[in-house]
């Protein structure tokens, strides 16, 4: 009986420690804040790591400045190509007609 209580106490203690550790959350990105290389922030539900030390400014939100922030988790950039290929005809002054078509990239099939 005592062994059961001791085991339950140990399990509850370990759970409490795990909850306390997980409660240390990553701060939300803020303007006018100095960030060091390696600093982690969240922005719009995504986690970013600072890759260049700087003091943040309005407009320098992590998704807007990939030179300063790298996406860690919470989604991935969308590199998919959507829509249909487009073509444009150009007729220079000499009367010769050229058609330029823009299609899918060779071998590209969707998000990276």
Protein backbone atom coordinates (compact mmCIF):
# COMPACT_ATOMS: atom_id res chain seq x y z
CA UNK A 1 0.00 0.00 0.00
CA UNK A 2 2.77 2.44 0.92
CA UNK A 3 4.65 1.44 -2.24
CA UNK A 4 1.57 2.41 -4.31
CA UNK A 5 1.40 5.85 -2.67
CA UNK A 6 5.09 6.44 -3.18
CA UNK A 7 4.80 5.43 -6.83
CA UNK A 8 1.79 7.73 -7.32
CA UNK A 9 3.66 10.59 -5.65
CA UNK A 10 6.66 10.10 -7.93
CA UNK A 11 4.45 9.99 -11.04
CA UNK A 12 2.58 13.15 -10.00
CA UNK A 13 5.85 14.91 -9.19
CA UNK A 14 7.30 14.05 -12.61
CA UNK A 15 4.09 15.25 -14.29
CA UNK A 16 4.23 18.50 -12.33
CA UNK A 17 7.84 19.09 -13.40
CA UNK A 18 6.93 18.36 -17.03
CA UNK A 19 4.05 20.85 -16.91
CA UNK A 20 6.24 23.50 -15.29
CA UNK A 21 8.92 23.08 -17.97
CA UNK A 22 6.39 23.20 -20.83
CA UNK A 23 4.83 26.35 -19.34
CA UNK A 24 7.97 28.26 -20.25
CA UNK A 25 6.66 29.51 -23.55
CA UNK A 26 8.42 31.22 -26.40
CA UNK A 27 7.74 34.98 -26.36
CA UNK A 28 5.65 36.70 -28.99
CA UNK A 29 7.60 38.91 -31.44
CA UNK A 30 7.55 42.59 -30.46
CA UNK A 31 8.79 45.71 -32.27
CA UNK A 32 11.59 47.81 -30.73
CA UNK A 33 13.15 44.74 -29.12
CA UNK A 34 16.79 43.62 -29.39
CA UNK A 35 17.07 40.03 -30.64
CA UNK A 36 20.25 37.96 -30.54
CA UNK A 37 21.14 35.19 -32.97
CA UNK A 38 19.28 32.05 -31.91
CA UNK A 39 16.44 33.86 -30.11
CA UNK A 40 13.07 32.18 -30.58
CA UNK A 41 9.78 34.06 -31.03
CA UNK A 42 6.25 33.27 -32.12
CA UNK A 43 4.31 35.29 -34.66
CA UNK A 44 0.81 34.43 -35.92
CA UNK A 45 1.06 30.89 -34.52
CA UNK A 46 4.44 30.20 -36.14
CA UNK A 47 7.80 29.83 -34.42
CA UNK A 48 10.83 31.70 -35.78
CA UNK A 49 14.56 31.67 -34.92
CA UNK A 50 16.63 34.85 -35.22
CA UNK A 51 19.44 34.35 -37.75
CA UNK A 52 20.90 37.86 -37.59
CA UNK A 53 21.10 40.03 -34.48
CA UNK A 54 18.98 43.18 -34.75
CA UNK A 55 16.55 45.50 -33.02
CA UNK A 56 13.09 44.86 -34.43
CA UNK A 57 11.00 47.55 -36.06
CA UNK A 58 7.41 47.76 -37.24
CA UNK A 59 7.36 46.15 -40.69
CA UNK A 60 10.16 43.73 -39.76
CA UNK A 61 7.76 41.02 -38.62
CA UNK A 62 9.41 37.58 -38.98
CA UNK A 63 7.54 36.47 -42.13
CA UNK A 64 8.45 39.79 -43.82
CA UNK A 65 12.23 39.60 -43.32
CA UNK A 66 13.70 36.18 -44.11
CA UNK A 67 17.19 37.68 -43.79
CA UNK A 68 16.53 38.11 -40.06
CA UNK A 69 14.22 35.20 -39.19
CA UNK A 70 14.00 31.51 -40.13
CA UNK A 71 10.75 29.58 -39.80
CA UNK A 72 11.13 26.82 -37.21
CA UNK A 73 7.61 25.41 -36.89
CA UNK A 74 3.95 26.18 -37.24
CA UNK A 75 3.69 25.81 -40.96
CA UNK A 76 5.81 25.96 -44.03
CA UNK A 77 6.18 28.49 -46.79
CA UNK A 78 3.91 27.83 -49.76
CA UNK A 79 5.97 27.39 -52.92
CA UNK A 80 3.16 25.82 -54.92
CA UNK A 81 2.30 27.08 -58.36
CA UNK A 82 -1.37 27.61 -58.97
CA UNK A 83 -3.43 28.67 -61.92
CA UNK A 84 -2.94 27.94 -65.57
CA UNK A 85 0.09 28.77 -67.69
CA UNK A 86 -0.09 32.20 -69.27
CA UNK A 87 1.07 33.41 -72.63
CA UNK A 88 1.61 36.90 -73.95
CA UNK A 89 1.96 37.98 -77.54
CA UNK A 90 4.26 40.88 -78.40
CA UNK A 91 4.45 42.59 -81.77
CA UNK A 92 7.43 44.96 -82.08
CA UNK A 93 7.39 47.86 -84.53
CA UNK A 94 8.80 45.64 -87.34
CA UNK A 95 5.59 43.61 -87.52
CA UNK A 96 7.11 40.27 -86.37
CA UNK A 97 4.98 38.60 -83.69
CA UNK A 98 6.49 36.75 -80.71
CA UNK A 99 4.65 34.64 -78.14
CA UNK A 100 6.07 34.07 -74.69
CA UNK A 101 4.56 31.26 -72.61
CA UNK A 102 5.03 30.84 -68.90
CA UNK A 103 4.39 27.30 -67.69
CA UNK A 104 5.19 25.15 -64.69
CA UNK A 105 8.82 24.76 -63.71
CA UNK A 106 10.52 21.70 -65.16
CA UNK A 107 10.02 18.83 -62.72
CA UNK A 108 8.28 20.96 -60.08
CA UNK A 109 5.16 19.34 -58.72
CA UNK A 110 4.08 21.28 -55.64
CA UNK A 111 5.10 22.42 -52.19
CA UNK A 112 8.69 21.85 -51.17
